[in-house]
Amino acid sequence: MCMAKKKSENEPPKIEPLPGVIETRYVKCGRPNCHCITDKGHGPYHYWIHKSGNRKFKKYIKRDELPTISARIDERRRREKEIAVFKKEVKLRWQIFGLQLREFKRFRGI
């Protein structure tokens, strides 16, 4: 009997990327005898802020959801950086190819 582990047991769970940022805010309630008048305020409260088209959206993040949302946003940023590096490499390779092609044409008299 084969005791091989399933593929899903070997790999870490995939993180679905999420656009936007997490903003932390402290809120002042306005009551005259509350500690928030002299302190930073109530909180911290965390909000996920993202744009869709020309509209900006804000959604409250529960404390237990914060690590998951943060990981998803970080994954999006990591992928965007990866893509930017890849694009730079491709652009550089095309430039080198163009130089080599011109040199070849000049050498061959084309």
PDB file of N, CA and C in Angstrom:
ATOM      1  N   MET A   1       0.839  -1.175   0.000  1.00  0.00           N
ATOM      2  CA  MET A   1       0.000   0.000   0.000  1.00  0.00           C
ATOM      3  C   MET A   1       0.890   1.245   0.000  1.00  0.00           C
ATOM      4  N   CYS A   2       0.592   2.195  -0.833  1.00  0.00           N
ATOM      5  CA  CYS A   2       1.388   3.410  -0.981  1.00  0.00           C
ATOM      6  C   CYS A   2       1.010   4.416   0.110  1.00  0.00           C
ATOM      7  N   MET A   3       2.024   4.953   0.790  1.00  0.00           N
ATOM      8  CA  MET A   3       1.789   5.899   1.884  1.00  0.00           C
ATOM      9  C   MET A   3       2.142   7.331   1.458  1.00  0.00           C
ATOM     10  N   ALA A   4       2.031   7.621   0.185  1.00  0.00           N
ATOM     11  CA  ALA A   4       2.364   8.963  -0.313  1.00  0.00           C
ATOM     12  C   ALA A   4       1.354   9.983   0.200  1.00  0.00           C
ATOM     13  N   LYS A   5       1.880  11.148   0.535  1.00  0.00           N
ATOM     14  CA  LYS A   5       1.005  12.230   0.997  1.00  0.00           C
ATOM     15  C   LYS A   5       0.307  12.865  -0.186  1.00  0.00           C
ATOM     16  N   LYS A   6      -0.863  13.370   0.071  1.00  0.00           N
ATOM     17  CA  LYS A   6      -1.586  14.080  -0.968  1.00  0.00           C
ATOM     18  C   LYS A   6      -0.861  15.373  -1.291  1.00  0.00           C
ATOM     19  N   LYS A   7      -1.060  15.866  -2.491  1.00  0.00           N
ATOM     20  CA  LYS A   7      -0.413  17.092  -2.937  1.00  0.00           C
ATOM     21  C   LYS A   7      -0.778  18.277  -2.043  1.00  0.00           C
ATOM     22  N   SER A   8      -2.012  18.330  -1.587  1.00  0.00           N
ATOM     23  CA  SER A   8      -2.467  19.458  -0.771  1.00  0.00           C
ATOM     24  C   SER A   8      -1.809  19.463   0.604  1.00  0.00           C
ATOM     25  N   GLU A   9      -1.349  18.308   1.096  1.00  0.00           N
ATOM     26  CA  GLU A   9      -0.681  18.247   2.386  1.00  0.00           C
ATOM     27  C   GLU A   9       0.741  18.773   2.310  1.00  0.00           C
ATOM     28  N   ASN A  10       1.375  18.686   1.146  1.00  0.00           N
ATOM     29  CA  ASN A  10       2.757  19.124   0.976  1.00  0.00           C
ATOM     30  C   ASN A  10       2.876  20.627   0.748  1.00  0.00           C
ATOM     31  N   GLU A  11       1.883  21.219   0.134  1.00  0.00           N
ATOM     32  CA  GLU A  11       1.944  22.628  -0.235  1.00  0.00           C
ATOM     33  C   GLU A  11       1.225  23.490   0.795  1.00  0.00           C
ATOM     34  N   PRO A  12       1.750  24.690   1.026  1.00  0.00           N
ATOM     35  CA  PRO A  12       1.017  25.600   1.911  1.00  0.00           C
ATOM     36  C   PRO A  12      -0.265  26.065   1.226  1.00  0.00           C
ATOM     37  N   PRO A  13      -1.263  26.470   1.993  1.00  0.00           N
ATOM     38  CA  PRO A  13      -2.506  26.925   1.366  1.00  0.00           C
ATOM     39  C   PRO A  13      -2.264  28.168   0.515  1.00  0.00           C
ATOM     40  N   LYS A  14      -2.939  28.238  -0.606  1.00  0.00           N
ATOM     41  CA  LYS A  14      -2.784  29.387  -1.501  1.00  0.00           C
ATOM     42  C   LYS A  14      -3.523  30.583  -0.928  1.00  0.00           C
ATOM     43  N   ILE A  15      -2.884  31.727  -1.056  1.00  0.00           N
ATOM     44  CA  ILE A  15      -3.473  32.970  -0.561  1.00  0.00           C
ATOM     45  C   ILE A  15      -4.008  33.741  -1.758  1.00  0.00           C
ATOM     46  N   GLU A  16      -5.278  34.045  -1.725  1.00  0.00           N
ATOM     47  CA  GLU A  16      -5.902  34.811  -2.805  1.00  0.00           C
ATOM     48  C   GLU A  16      -5.548  36.283  -2.641  1.00  0.00           C
ATOM     49  N   PRO A  17      -4.914  36.909  -3.648  1.00  0.00           N
ATOM     50  CA  PRO A  17      -4.516  38.316  -3.519  1.00  0.00           C
ATOM     51  C   PRO A  17      -5.709  39.251  -3.405  1.00  0.00           C
ATOM     52  N   LEU A  18      -5.476  40.368  -2.742  1.00  0.00           N
ATOM     53  CA  LEU A  18      -6.544  41.336  -2.501  1.00  0.00           C
ATOM     54  C   LEU A  18      -5.983  42.744  -2.698  1.00  0.00           C
ATOM     55  N   PRO A  19      -6.626  43.579  -3.517  1.00  0.00           N
ATOM     56  CA  PRO A  19      -6.143  44.948  -3.711  1.00  0.00           C
ATOM     57  C   PRO A  19      -6.509  45.825  -2.525  1.00  0.00           C
ATOM     58  N   GLY A  20      -5.803  46.916  -2.387  1.00  0.00           N
ATOM     59  CA  GLY A  20      -6.161  47.892  -1.370  1.00  0.00           C
ATOM     60  C   GLY A  20      -5.137  47.998  -0.256  1.00  0.00           C
ATOM     61  N   VAL A  21      -5.529  48.702   0.790  1.00  0.00           N
ATOM     62  CA  VAL A  21      -4.677  48.928   1.959  1.00  0.00           C
ATOM     63  C   VAL A  21      -5.509  48.743   3.224  1.00  0.00           C
ATOM     64  N   ILE A  22      -4.796  48.569   4.331  1.00  0.00           N
ATOM     65  CA  ILE A  22      -5.450  48.539   5.635  1.00  0.00           C
ATOM     66  C   ILE A  22      -5.128  49.847   6.328  1.00  0.00           C
ATOM     67  N   GLU A  23      -6.155  50.519   6.792  1.00  0.00           N
ATOM     68  CA  GLU A  23      -5.978  51.787   7.499  1.00  0.00           C
ATOM     69  C   GLU A  23      -6.421  51.591   8.943  1.00  0.00           C
ATOM     70  N   THR A  24      -5.614  52.078   9.875  1.00  0.00           N
ATOM     71  CA  THR A  24      -5.935  51.996  11.293  1.00  0.00           C
ATOM     72  C   THR A  24      -6.370  53.367  11.775  1.00  0.00           C
ATOM     73  N   ARG A  25      -7.488  53.395  12.480  1.00  0.00           N
ATOM     74  CA  ARG A  25      -8.032  54.680  12.956  1.00  0.00           C
ATOM     75  C   ARG A  25      -8.402  54.594  14.424  1.00  0.00           C
ATOM     76  N   TYR A  26      -8.300  55.732  15.080  1.00  0.00           N
ATOM     77  CA  TYR A  26      -8.803  55.911  16.443  1.00  0.00           C
ATOM     78  C   TYR A  26      -9.962  56.890  16.360  1.00  0.00           C
ATOM     79  N   VAL A  27     -11.028  56.622  17.105  1.00  0.00           N
ATOM     80  CA  VAL A  27     -12.254  57.406  17.000  1.00  0.00           C
ATOM     81  C   VAL A  27     -12.524  58.126  18.314  1.00  0.00           C
ATOM     82  N   LYS A  28     -12.935  59.373  18.211  1.00  0.00           N
ATOM     83  CA  LYS A  28     -13.358  60.143  19.379  1.00  0.00           C
ATOM     84  C   LYS A  28     -14.881  60.173  19.394  1.00  0.00           C
ATOM     85  N   CYS A  29     -15.457  59.782  20.522  1.00  0.00           N
ATOM     86  CA  CYS A  29     -16.908  59.610  20.583  1.00  0.00           C
ATOM     87  C   CYS A  29     -17.651  60.927  20.812  1.00  0.00           C
ATOM     88  N   GLY A  30     -17.016  61.919  21.423  1.00  0.00           N
ATOM     89  CA  GLY A  30     -17.664  63.207  21.621  1.00  0.00           C
ATOM     90  C   GLY A  30     -18.278  63.396  22.994  1.00  0.00           C
ATOM     91  N   ARG A  31     -18.301  62.359  23.825  1.00  0.00           N
ATOM     92  CA  ARG A  31     -18.836  62.532  25.179  1.00  0.00           C
ATOM     93  C   ARG A  31     -17.858  63.392  25.988  1.00  0.00           C
ATOM     94  N   PRO A  32     -18.351  64.352  26.747  1.00  0.00           N
ATOM     95  CA  PRO A  32     -17.458  65.286  27.447  1.00  0.00           C
ATOM     96  C   PRO A  32     -16.615  64.645  28.557  1.00  0.00           C
ATOM     97  N   ASN A  33     -17.061  63.544  29.160  1.00  0.00           N
ATOM     98  CA  ASN A  33     -16.303  62.949  30.257  1.00  0.00           C
ATOM     99  C   ASN A  33     -15.559  61.675  29.845  1.00  0.00           C
ATOM    100  N   CYS A  34     -15.406  61.415  28.563  1.00  0.00           N
ATOM    101  CA  CYS A  34     -14.754  60.196  28.077  1.00  0.00           C
ATOM    102  C   CYS A  34     -13.238  60.388  27.992  1.00  0.00           C
ATOM    103  N   HIS A  35     -12.500  59.307  28.171  1.00  0.00           N
ATOM    104  CA  HIS A  35     -11.037  59.353  28.104  1.00  0.00           C
ATOM    105  C   HIS A  35     -10.515  59.730  26.729  1.00  0.00           C
ATOM    106  N   CYS A  36     -11.331  59.571  25.688  1.00  0.00           N
ATOM    107  CA  CYS A  36     -10.847  59.811  24.326  1.00  0.00           C
ATOM    108  C   CYS A  36     -10.588  61.288  24.046  1.00  0.00           C
ATOM    109  N   ILE A  37     -11.078  62.170  24.891  1.00  0.00           N
ATOM    110  CA  ILE A  37     -10.833  63.608  24.692  1.00  0.00           C
ATOM    111  C   ILE A  37      -9.353  63.924  24.874  1.00  0.00           C
ATOM    112  N   THR A  38      -8.727  63.332  25.899  1.00  0.00           N
ATOM    113  CA  THR A  38      -7.317  63.600  26.169  1.00  0.00           C
ATOM    114  C   THR A  38      -6.402  62.519  25.608  1.00  0.00           C
ATOM    115  N   ASP A  39      -6.947  61.380  25.264  1.00  0.00           N
ATOM    116  CA  ASP A  39      -6.171  60.244  24.763  1.00  0.00           C
ATOM    117  C   ASP A  39      -6.250  60.203  23.234  1.00  0.00           C
ATOM    118  N   LYS A  40      -5.686  59.158  22.633  1.00  0.00           N
ATOM    119  CA  LYS A  40      -5.751  58.995  21.182  1.00  0.00           C
ATOM    120  C   LYS A  40      -7.177  58.789  20.700  1.00  0.00           C
ATOM    121  N   GLY A  41      -7.965  58.125  21.510  1.00  0.00           N
ATOM    122  CA  GLY A  41      -9.341  57.833  21.126  1.00  0.00           C
ATOM    123  C   GLY A  41      -9.649  56.368  21.347  1.00  0.00           C
ATOM    124  N   HIS A  42     -10.792  55.938  20.877  1.00  0.00           N
ATOM    125  CA  HIS A  42     -11.191  54.537  20.976  1.00  0.00           C
ATOM    126  C   HIS A  42     -10.585  53.782  19.799  1.00  0.00           C
ATOM    127  N   GLY A  43     -10.160  52.573  20.060  1.00  0.00           N
ATOM    128  CA  GLY A  43      -9.610  51.789  18.962  1.00  0.00           C
ATOM    129  C   GLY A  43      -8.350  51.082  19.380  1.00  0.00           C
ATOM    130  N   PRO A  44      -7.573  50.650  18.468  1.00  0.00           N
ATOM    131  CA  PRO A  44      -7.603  50.958  17.041  1.00  0.00           C
ATOM    132  C   PRO A  44      -8.673  50.154  16.296  1.00  0.00           C
ATOM    133  N   TYR A  45      -9.253  50.774  15.295  1.00  0.00           N
ATOM    134  CA  TYR A  45     -10.183  50.119  14.392  1.00  0.00           C
ATOM    135  C   TYR A  45      -9.495  50.011  13.038  1.00  0.00           C
ATOM    136  N   HIS A  46      -9.645  48.869  12.403  1.00  0.00           N
ATOM    137  CA  HIS A  46      -8.968  48.618  11.131  1.00  0.00           C
ATOM    138  C   HIS A  46      -9.996  48.579  10.006  1.00  0.00           C
ATOM    139  N   TYR A  47      -9.623  49.223   8.886  1.00  0.00           N
ATOM    140  CA  TYR A  47     -10.512  49.280   7.723  1.00  0.00           C
ATOM    141  C   TYR A  47      -9.732  48.860   6.480  1.00  0.00           C
ATOM    142  N   TRP A  48     -10.406  48.089   5.629  1.00  0.00           N
ATOM    143  CA  TRP A  48      -9.851  47.731   4.325  1.00  0.00           C
ATOM    144  C   TRP A  48     -10.380  48.759   3.339  1.00  0.00           C
ATOM    145  N   ILE A  49      -9.457  49.459   2.676  1.00  0.00           N
ATOM    146  CA  ILE A  49      -9.823  50.514   1.729  1.00  0.00           C
ATOM    147  C   ILE A  49      -9.315  50.114   0.351  1.00  0.00           C
ATOM    148  N   HIS A  50     -10.212  50.161  -0.634  1.00  0.00           N
ATOM    149  CA  HIS A  50      -9.830  49.826  -2.000  1.00  0.00           C
ATOM    150  C   HIS A  50     -10.674  50.636  -2.972  1.00  0.00           C
ATOM    151  N   LYS A  51     -10.178  50.719  -4.207  1.00  0.00           N
ATOM    152  CA  LYS A  51     -10.897  51.425  -5.254  1.00  0.00           C
ATOM    153  C   LYS A  51     -11.428  50.427  -6.266  1.00  0.00           C
ATOM    154  N   SER A  52     -12.608  50.725  -6.771  1.00  0.00           N
ATOM    155  CA  SER A  52     -13.193  49.962  -7.857  1.00  0.00           C
ATOM    156  C   SER A  52     -13.718  50.985  -8.849  1.00  0.00           C
ATOM    157  N   GLY A  53     -13.040  51.053  -9.988  1.00  0.00           N
ATOM    158  CA  GLY A  53     -13.379  52.100 -10.948  1.00  0.00           C
ATOM    159  C   GLY A  53     -12.964  53.446 -10.367  1.00  0.00           C
ATOM    160  N   ASN A  54     -13.893  54.386 -10.327  1.00  0.00           N
ATOM    161  CA  ASN A  54     -13.604  55.699  -9.754  1.00  0.00           C
ATOM    162  C   ASN A  54     -14.103  55.828  -8.319  1.00  0.00           C
ATOM    163  N   ARG A  55     -14.647  54.752  -7.770  1.00  0.00           N
ATOM    164  CA  ARG A  55     -15.209  54.803  -6.423  1.00  0.00           C
ATOM    165  C   ARG A  55     -14.263  54.198  -5.404  1.00  0.00           C
ATOM    166  N   LYS A  56     -14.272  54.775  -4.227  1.00  0.00           N
ATOM    167  CA  LYS A  56     -13.450  54.301  -3.122  1.00  0.00           C
ATOM    168  C   LYS A  56     -14.370  53.639  -2.100  1.00  0.00           C
ATOM    169  N   PHE A  57     -13.972  52.449  -1.623  1.00  0.00           N
ATOM    170  CA  PHE A  57     -14.779  51.711  -0.669  1.00  0.00           C
ATOM    171  C   PHE A  57     -14.004  51.482   0.621  1.00  0.00           C
ATOM    172  N   LYS A  58     -14.715  51.466   1.735  1.00  0.00           N
ATOM    173  CA  LYS A  58     -14.106  51.235   3.041  1.00  0.00           C
ATOM    174  C   LYS A  58     -14.951  50.201   3.767  1.00  0.00           C
ATOM    175  N   LYS A  59     -14.280  49.188   4.330  1.00  0.00           N
ATOM    176  CA  LYS A  59     -14.992  48.141   5.054  1.00  0.00           C
ATOM    177  C   LYS A  59     -14.268  47.860   6.366  1.00  0.00           C
ATOM    178  N   TYR A  60     -15.029  47.765   7.441  1.00  0.00           N
ATOM    179  CA  TYR A  60     -14.466  47.459   8.756  1.00  0.00           C
ATOM    180  C   TYR A  60     -13.942  46.023   8.760  1.00  0.00           C
ATOM    181  N   ILE A  61     -12.780  45.826   9.378  1.00  0.00           N
ATOM    182  CA  ILE A  61     -12.180  44.501   9.496  1.00  0.00           C
ATOM    183  C   ILE A  61     -12.233  44.078  10.956  1.00  0.00           C
ATOM    184  N   LYS A  62     -12.829  42.931  11.209  1.00  0.00           N
ATOM    185  CA  LYS A  62     -12.855  42.401  12.568  1.00  0.00           C
ATOM    186  C   LYS A  62     -11.440  41.987  12.978  1.00  0.00           C
ATOM    187  N   ARG A  63     -11.185  42.024  14.272  1.00  0.00           N
ATOM    188  CA  ARG A  63      -9.843  41.733  14.792  1.00  0.00           C
ATOM    189  C   ARG A  63      -9.350  40.348  14.359  1.00  0.00           C
ATOM    190  N   ASP A  64     -10.217  39.350  14.357  1.00  0.00           N
ATOM    191  CA  ASP A  64      -9.781  38.006  13.978  1.00  0.00           C
ATOM    192  C   ASP A  64      -9.586  37.849  12.468  1.00  0.00           C
ATOM    193  N   GLU A  65     -10.132  38.750  11.662  1.00  0.00           N
ATOM    194  CA  GLU A  65      -9.943  38.714  10.210  1.00  0.00           C
ATOM    195  C   GLU A  65      -8.702  39.489   9.763  1.00  0.00           C
ATOM    196  N   LEU A  66      -8.143  40.304  10.634  1.00  0.00           N
ATOM    197  CA  LEU A  66      -7.030  41.193  10.271  1.00  0.00           C
ATOM    198  C   LEU A  66      -5.822  40.437   9.705  1.00  0.00           C
ATOM    199  N   PRO A  67      -5.336  39.347  10.325  1.00  0.00           N
ATOM    200  CA  PRO A  67      -4.177  38.656   9.752  1.00  0.00           C
ATOM    201  C   PRO A  67      -4.438  38.103   8.344  1.00  0.00           C
ATOM    202  N   THR A  68      -5.632  37.599   8.103  1.00  0.00           N
ATOM    203  CA  THR A  68      -5.968  37.043   6.793  1.00  0.00           C
ATOM    204  C   THR A  68      -6.007  38.130   5.731  1.00  0.00           C
ATOM    205  N   ILE A  69      -6.692  39.223   6.022  1.00  0.00           N
ATOM    206  CA  ILE A  69      -6.784  40.332   5.060  1.00  0.00           C
ATOM    207  C   ILE A  69      -5.400  40.914   4.802  1.00  0.00           C
ATOM    208  N   SER A  70      -4.620  41.075   5.857  1.00  0.00           N
ATOM    209  CA  SER A  70      -3.262  41.617   5.717  1.00  0.00           C
ATOM    210  C   SER A  70      -2.402  40.713   4.841  1.00  0.00           C
ATOM    211  N   ALA A  71      -2.486  39.399   5.041  1.00  0.00           N
ATOM    212  CA  ALA A  71      -1.719  38.451   4.228  1.00  0.00           C
ATOM    213  C   ALA A  71      -2.138  38.519   2.765  1.00  0.00           C
ATOM    214  N   ARG A  72      -3.438  38.672   2.515  1.00  0.00           N
ATOM    215  CA  ARG A  72      -3.923  38.746   1.138  1.00  0.00           C
ATOM    216  C   ARG A  72      -3.437  40.018   0.444  1.00  0.00           C
ATOM    217  N   ILE A  73      -3.425  41.139   1.159  1.00  0.00           N
ATOM    218  CA  ILE A  73      -2.933  42.395   0.589  1.00  0.00           C
ATOM    219  C   ILE A  73      -1.435  42.300   0.332  1.00  0.00           C
ATOM    220  N   ASP A  74      -0.695  41.694   1.276  1.00  0.00           N
ATOM    221  CA  ASP A  74       0.746  41.509   1.093  1.00  0.00           C
ATOM    222  C   ASP A  74       1.038  40.614  -0.109  1.00  0.00           C
ATOM    223  N   GLU A  75       0.204  39.588  -0.307  1.00  0.00           N
ATOM    224  CA  GLU A  75       0.369  38.699  -1.458  1.00  0.00           C
ATOM    225  C   GLU A  75       0.173  39.471  -2.754  1.00  0.00           C
ATOM    226  N   ARG A  76      -0.795  40.359  -2.800  1.00  0.00           N
ATOM    227  CA  ARG A  76      -1.025  41.186  -3.996  1.00  0.00           C
ATOM    228  C   ARG A  76       0.204  42.059  -4.283  1.00  0.00           C
ATOM    229  N   ARG A  77       0.737  42.687  -3.241  1.00  0.00           N
ATOM    230  CA  ARG A  77       1.925  43.531  -3.420  1.00  0.00           C
ATOM    231  C   ARG A  77       3.126  42.717  -3.891  1.00  0.00           C
ATOM    232  N   ARG A  78       3.291  41.509  -3.308  1.00  0.00           N
ATOM    233  CA  ARG A  78       4.411  40.653  -3.697  1.00  0.00           C
ATOM    234  C   ARG A  78       4.301  40.277  -5.174  1.00  0.00           C
ATOM    235  N   ARG A  79       3.094  39.928  -5.610  1.00  0.00           N
ATOM    236  CA  ARG A  79       2.892  39.563  -7.018  1.00  0.00           C
ATOM    237  C   ARG A  79       3.126  40.751  -7.940  1.00  0.00           C
ATOM    238  N   GLU A  80       2.689  41.946  -7.533  1.00  0.00           N
ATOM    239  CA  GLU A  80       2.903  43.138  -8.354  1.00  0.00           C
ATOM    240  C   GLU A  80       4.396  43.435  -8.494  1.00  0.00           C
ATOM    241  N   LYS A  81       5.159  43.264  -7.411  1.00  0.00           N
ATOM    242  CA  LYS A  81       6.611  43.472  -7.489  1.00  0.00           C
ATOM    243  C   LYS A  81       7.247  42.450  -8.415  1.00  0.00           C
ATOM    244  N   GLU A  82       6.810  41.188  -8.321  1.00  0.00           N
ATOM    245  CA  GLU A  82       7.308  40.129  -9.188  1.00  0.00           C
ATOM    246  C   GLU A  82       7.055  40.471 -10.652  1.00  0.00           C
ATOM    247  N   ILE A  83       5.866  40.948 -10.955  1.00  0.00           N
ATOM    248  CA  ILE A  83       5.508  41.308 -12.329  1.00  0.00           C
ATOM    249  C   ILE A  83       6.357  42.479 -12.807  1.00  0.00           C
ATOM    250  N   ALA A  84       6.580  43.475 -11.944  1.00  0.00           N
ATOM    251  CA  ALA A  84       7.393  44.637 -12.326  1.00  0.00           C
ATOM    252  C   ALA A  84       8.828  44.212 -12.653  1.00  0.00           C
ATOM    253  N   VAL A  85       9.397  43.313 -11.840  1.00  0.00           N
ATOM    254  CA  VAL A  85      10.759  42.822 -12.089  1.00  0.00           C
ATOM    255  C   VAL A  85      10.791  42.060 -13.411  1.00  0.00           C
ATOM    256  N   PHE A  86       9.779  41.231 -13.638  1.00  0.00           N
ATOM    257  CA  PHE A  86       9.710  40.463 -14.883  1.00  0.00           C
ATOM    258  C   PHE A  86       9.634  41.392 -16.090  1.00  0.00           C
ATOM    259  N   LYS A  87       8.814  42.440 -16.009  1.00  0.00           N
ATOM    260  CA  LYS A  87       8.685  43.387 -17.121  1.00  0.00           C
ATOM    261  C   LYS A  87      10.010  44.086 -17.407  1.00  0.00           C
ATOM    262  N   LYS A  88      10.741  44.457 -16.351  1.00  0.00           N
ATOM    263  CA  LYS A  88      12.050  45.096 -16.553  1.00  0.00           C
ATOM    264  C   LYS A  88      13.024  44.148 -17.241  1.00  0.00           C
ATOM    265  N   GLU A  89      13.005  42.877 -16.816  1.00  0.00           N
ATOM    266  CA  GLU A  89      13.889  41.890 -17.441  1.00  0.00           C
ATOM    267  C   GLU A  89      13.550  41.705 -18.916  1.00  0.00           C
ATOM    268  N   VAL A  90      12.272  41.623 -19.231  1.00  0.00           N
ATOM    269  CA  VAL A  90      11.850  41.446 -20.623  1.00  0.00           C
ATOM    270  C   VAL A  90      12.266  42.654 -21.459  1.00  0.00           C
ATOM    271  N   LYS A  91      12.065  43.855 -20.921  1.00  0.00           N
ATOM    272  CA  LYS A  91      12.445  45.072 -21.647  1.00  0.00           C
ATOM    273  C   LYS A  91      13.946  45.092 -21.916  1.00  0.00           C
ATOM    274  N   LEU A  92      14.735  44.720 -20.914  1.00  0.00           N
ATOM    275  CA  LEU A  92      16.186  44.692 -21.076  1.00  0.00           C
ATOM    276  C   LEU A  92      16.600  43.660 -22.126  1.00  0.00           C
ATOM    277  N   ARG A  93      15.960  42.489 -22.089  1.00  0.00           N
ATOM    278  CA  ARG A  93      16.295  41.455 -23.070  1.00  0.00           C
ATOM    279  C   ARG A  93      15.943  41.893 -24.495  1.00  0.00           C
ATOM    280  N   TRP A  94      14.826  42.609 -24.663  1.00  0.00           N
ATOM    281  CA  TRP A  94      14.470  43.113 -25.989  1.00  0.00           C
ATOM    282  C   TRP A  94      15.479  44.162 -26.458  1.00  0.00           C
ATOM    283  N   GLN A  95      15.949  44.998 -25.550  1.00  0.00           N
ATOM    284  CA  GLN A  95      16.956  45.989 -25.914  1.00  0.00           C
ATOM    285  C   GLN A  95      18.248  45.304 -26.361  1.00  0.00           C
ATOM    286  N   ILE A  96      18.667  44.286 -25.612  1.00  0.00           N
ATOM    287  CA  ILE A  96      19.874  43.538 -25.973  1.00  0.00           C
ATOM    288  C   ILE A  96      19.683  42.851 -27.319  1.00  0.00           C
ATOM    289  N   PHE A  97      18.500  42.258 -27.519  1.00  0.00           N
ATOM    290  CA  PHE A  97      18.211  41.604 -28.793  1.00  0.00           C
ATOM    291  C   PHE A  97      18.291  42.603 -29.946  1.00  0.00           C
ATOM    292  N   GLY A  98      17.722  43.804 -29.743  1.00  0.00           N
ATOM    293  CA  GLY A  98      17.776  44.833 -30.782  1.00  0.00           C
ATOM    294  C   GLY A  98      19.206  45.227 -31.119  1.00  0.00           C
ATOM    295  N   LEU A  99      20.038  45.381 -30.096  1.00  0.00           N
ATOM    296  CA  LEU A  99      21.448  45.712 -30.331  1.00  0.00           C
ATOM    297  C   LEU A  99      22.155  44.591 -31.087  1.00  0.00           C
ATOM    298  N   GLN A 100      21.900  43.350 -30.695  1.00  0.00           N
ATOM    299  CA  GLN A 100      22.523  42.213 -31.381  1.00  0.00           C
ATOM    300  C   GLN A 100      22.055  42.114 -32.829  1.00  0.00           C
ATOM    301  N   LEU A 101      20.784  42.380 -33.071  1.00  0.00           N
ATOM    302  CA  LEU A 101      20.255  42.323 -34.427  1.00  0.00           C
ATOM    303  C   LEU A 101      20.892  43.398 -35.301  1.00  0.00           C
ATOM    304  N   ARG A 102      21.013  44.617 -34.774  1.00  0.00           N
ATOM    305  CA  ARG A 102      21.667  45.691 -35.537  1.00  0.00           C
ATOM    306  C   ARG A 102      23.130  45.347 -35.831  1.00  0.00           C
ATOM    307  N   GLU A 103      23.805  44.767 -34.850  1.00  0.00           N
ATOM    308  CA  GLU A 103      25.205  44.374 -35.037  1.00  0.00           C
ATOM    309  C   GLU A 103      25.311  43.273 -36.088  1.00  0.00           C
ATOM    310  N   PHE A 104      24.393  42.327 -36.068  1.00  0.00           N
ATOM    311  CA  PHE A 104      24.377  41.249 -37.057  1.00  0.00           C
ATOM    312  C   PHE A 104      24.148  41.803 -38.451  1.00  0.00           C
ATOM    313  N   LYS A 105      23.158  42.702 -38.566  1.00  0.00           N
ATOM    314  CA  LYS A 105      22.863  43.293 -39.881  1.00  0.00           C
ATOM    315  C   LYS A 105      24.054  44.082 -40.400  1.00  0.00           C
ATOM    316  N   ARG A 106      24.719  44.820 -39.507  1.00  0.00           N
ATOM    317  CA  ARG A 106      25.886  45.603 -39.923  1.00  0.00           C
ATOM    318  C   ARG A 106      27.018  44.671 -40.353  1.00  0.00           C
ATOM    319  N   PHE A 107      27.203  43.585 -39.614  1.00  0.00           N
ATOM    320  CA  PHE A 107      28.267  42.624 -39.925  1.00  0.00           C
ATOM    321  C   PHE A 107      28.002  41.915 -41.249  1.00  0.00           C
ATOM    322  N   ARG A 108      26.738  41.550 -41.492  1.00  0.00           N
ATOM    323  CA  ARG A 108      26.371  40.832 -42.702  1.00  0.00           C
ATOM    324  C   ARG A 108      26.158  41.765 -43.894  1.00  0.00           C
ATOM    325  N   GLY A 109      26.110  43.062 -43.623  1.00  0.00           N
ATOM    326  CA  GLY A 109      25.916  44.026 -44.715  1.00  0.00           C
ATOM    327  C   GLY A 109      24.479  44.073 -45.206  1.00  0.00           C
ATOM    328  N   ILE A 110      23.551  43.801 -44.339  1.00  0.00           N
ATOM    329  CA  ILE A 110      22.127  43.777 -44.707  1.00  0.00           C
ATOM    330  C   ILE A 110      21.542  45.158 -44.582  1.00  0.00           C
TER     331      ILE A 110
END
